[in-house]
Amino acid sequence: MIHDSADVAAAQRHWVEVTGIAAERFGRMTLKRHSAKTARRNTGDGYRGCLVVGVLGGADLYRRIEGWWIGIADTQSGGHSGSV
């Protein structure tokens, strides 16, 4: 998911690099329309949208993927992110 005013191609390249998953494996990007009433803080060159992970296969798989994501977020933030 990403705002329509952001650099969609750069965001996709970013998530491919972070996850190591080929771009062809990603689903369709969801563009969020900009509302002038909203004071967004997630703007600028560093904004890469939000990676959405769909999990099929039960709670055990969900928990494993959640743990992986916490690990990814920790390495990107340089600290401890806690939970998702």
C-alpha atoms as a PDB file:
ATOM      1  CA  MET A   1       0.000   0.000   0.000  1.00  0.00           C
ATOM      2  CA  ILE A   2       1.298   3.435  -0.862  1.00  0.00           C
ATOM      3  CA  HIS A   3      -0.035   6.941  -1.307  1.00  0.00           C
ATOM      4  CA  ASP A   4      -0.643   7.887  -4.920  1.00  0.00           C
ATOM      5  CA  SER A   5       1.639  10.928  -4.609  1.00  0.00           C
ATOM      6  CA  ALA A   6       4.684   8.767  -3.707  1.00  0.00           C
ATOM      7  CA  ASP A   7       7.269   7.141  -5.972  1.00  0.00           C
ATOM      8  CA  VAL A   8       5.599   3.773  -6.556  1.00  0.00           C
ATOM      9  CA  ALA A   9       8.460   2.294  -8.615  1.00  0.00           C
ATOM     10  CA  ALA A  10      11.034   3.222  -5.955  1.00  0.00           C
ATOM     11  CA  ALA A  11       8.820   1.694  -3.264  1.00  0.00           C
ATOM     12  CA  GLN A  12       8.562  -1.580  -5.144  1.00  0.00           C
ATOM     13  CA  ARG A  13      12.329  -1.695  -5.644  1.00  0.00           C
ATOM     14  CA  HIS A  14      12.754  -1.041  -1.914  1.00  0.00           C
ATOM     15  CA  TRP A  15      10.471  -3.901  -0.831  1.00  0.00           C
ATOM     16  CA  VAL A  16      12.072  -6.293  -3.341  1.00  0.00           C
ATOM     17  CA  GLU A  17      15.477  -5.443  -1.854  1.00  0.00           C
ATOM     18  CA  VAL A  18      14.313  -5.700   1.771  1.00  0.00           C
ATOM     19  CA  THR A  19      12.454  -8.993   1.358  1.00  0.00           C
ATOM     20  CA  GLY A  20      14.581 -10.673  -1.310  1.00  0.00           C
ATOM     21  CA  ILE A  21      11.388 -11.633  -3.152  1.00  0.00           C
ATOM     22  CA  ALA A  22      11.215 -11.142  -6.936  1.00  0.00           C
ATOM     23  CA  ALA A  23       9.020  -8.246  -8.071  1.00  0.00           C
ATOM     24  CA  GLU A  24       6.871 -10.649 -10.100  1.00  0.00           C
ATOM     25  CA  ARG A  25       5.835 -12.408  -6.867  1.00  0.00           C
ATOM     26  CA  PHE A  26       4.316  -9.257  -5.371  1.00  0.00           C
ATOM     27  CA  GLY A  27       0.612  -8.641  -5.716  1.00  0.00           C
ATOM     28  CA  ARG A  28      -0.914  -5.548  -7.202  1.00  0.00           C
ATOM     29  CA  MET A  29       0.086  -2.361  -5.406  1.00  0.00           C
ATOM     30  CA  THR A  30      -2.811  -0.577  -3.684  1.00  0.00           C
ATOM     31  CA  LEU A  31      -2.713   3.182  -4.187  1.00  0.00           C
ATOM     32  CA  LYS A  32      -4.196   5.269  -1.395  1.00  0.00           C
ATOM     33  CA  ARG A  33      -5.658   8.552  -2.563  1.00  0.00           C
ATOM     34  CA  HIS A  34      -4.330  11.682  -0.960  1.00  0.00           C
ATOM     35  CA  SER A  35      -6.747  13.673   1.186  1.00  0.00           C
ATOM     36  CA  ALA A  36      -5.932  17.354   1.610  1.00  0.00           C
ATOM     37  CA  LYS A  37      -7.520  17.200   5.086  1.00  0.00           C
ATOM     38  CA  THR A  38      -4.880  14.761   6.360  1.00  0.00           C
ATOM     39  CA  ALA A  39      -1.569  16.087   7.668  1.00  0.00           C
ATOM     40  CA  ARG A  40       0.668  13.199   6.588  1.00  0.00           C
ATOM     41  CA  ARG A  41       4.081  12.779   8.158  1.00  0.00           C
ATOM     42  CA  ASN A  42       5.074   9.850   5.937  1.00  0.00           C
ATOM     43  CA  THR A  43       6.240  11.893   2.972  1.00  0.00           C
ATOM     44  CA  GLY A  44       9.521  12.629   1.252  1.00  0.00           C
ATOM     45  CA  ASP A  45      12.206  10.575  -0.439  1.00  0.00           C
ATOM     46  CA  GLY A  46      12.344   7.945   2.323  1.00  0.00           C
ATOM     47  CA  TYR A  47       8.640   7.038   2.175  1.00  0.00           C
ATOM     48  CA  ARG A  48       8.223   3.500   0.832  1.00  0.00           C
ATOM     49  CA  GLY A  49       4.635   2.657   1.674  1.00  0.00           C
ATOM     50  CA  CYS A  50       3.484  -0.258   3.775  1.00  0.00           C
ATOM     51  CA  LEU A  51       4.244  -3.892   3.027  1.00  0.00           C
ATOM     52  CA  VAL A  52       1.130  -6.022   3.493  1.00  0.00           C
ATOM     53  CA  VAL A  53       1.643  -9.741   4.025  1.00  0.00           C
ATOM     54  CA  GLY A  54      -1.275 -12.088   3.575  1.00  0.00           C
ATOM     55  CA  VAL A  55      -0.937 -15.390   5.446  1.00  0.00           C
ATOM     56  CA  LEU A  56      -2.841 -18.538   4.588  1.00  0.00           C
ATOM     57  CA  GLY A  57      -2.192 -21.690   6.545  1.00  0.00           C
ATOM     58  CA  GLY A  58      -3.046 -21.174  10.160  1.00  0.00           C
ATOM     59  CA  ALA A  59      -1.824 -19.494  13.291  1.00  0.00           C
ATOM     60  CA  ASP A  60       1.569 -21.257  13.429  1.00  0.00           C
ATOM     61  CA  LEU A  61       2.610 -19.919  10.023  1.00  0.00           C
ATOM     62  CA  TYR A  62       1.270 -16.474  10.912  1.00  0.00           C
ATOM     63  CA  ARG A  63       3.393 -16.379  14.084  1.00  0.00           C
ATOM     64  CA  ARG A  64       6.528 -17.472  12.225  1.00  0.00           C
ATOM     65  CA  ILE A  65       6.042 -14.752   9.597  1.00  0.00           C
ATOM     66  CA  GLU A  66       5.321 -12.189  12.297  1.00  0.00           C
ATOM     67  CA  GLY A  67       8.648 -13.115  13.947  1.00  0.00           C
ATOM     68  CA  TRP A  68      10.479 -12.706  10.642  1.00  0.00           C
ATOM     69  CA  TRP A  69       8.855  -9.316  10.153  1.00  0.00           C
ATOM     70  CA  ILE A  70       9.880  -8.145  13.622  1.00  0.00           C
ATOM     71  CA  GLY A  71      13.443  -9.164  12.742  1.00  0.00           C
ATOM     72  CA  ILE A  72      13.310  -7.221   9.472  1.00  0.00           C
ATOM     73  CA  ALA A  73      11.840  -4.161  11.182  1.00  0.00           C
ATOM     74  CA  ASP A  74      14.502  -4.289  13.894  1.00  0.00           C
ATOM     75  CA  THR A  75      17.323  -4.316  11.357  1.00  0.00           C
ATOM     76  CA  GLN A  76      15.755  -1.420   9.444  1.00  0.00           C
ATOM     77  CA  SER A  77      15.086   0.718  12.531  1.00  0.00           C
ATOM     78  CA  GLY A  78      18.363  -0.049  14.275  1.00  0.00           C
ATOM     79  CA  GLY A  79      16.576  -0.947  17.475  1.00  0.00           C
ATOM     80  CA  HIS A  80      13.903  -3.100  18.987  1.00  0.00           C
ATOM     81  CA  SER A  81      10.515  -2.639  17.341  1.00  0.00           C
ATOM     82  CA  GLY A  82       8.557  -4.767  19.819  1.00  0.00           C
ATOM     83  CA  SER A  83       5.555  -6.211  18.045  1.00  0.00           C
ATOM     84  CA  VAL A  84       3.974  -5.528  14.692  1.00  0.00           C
END
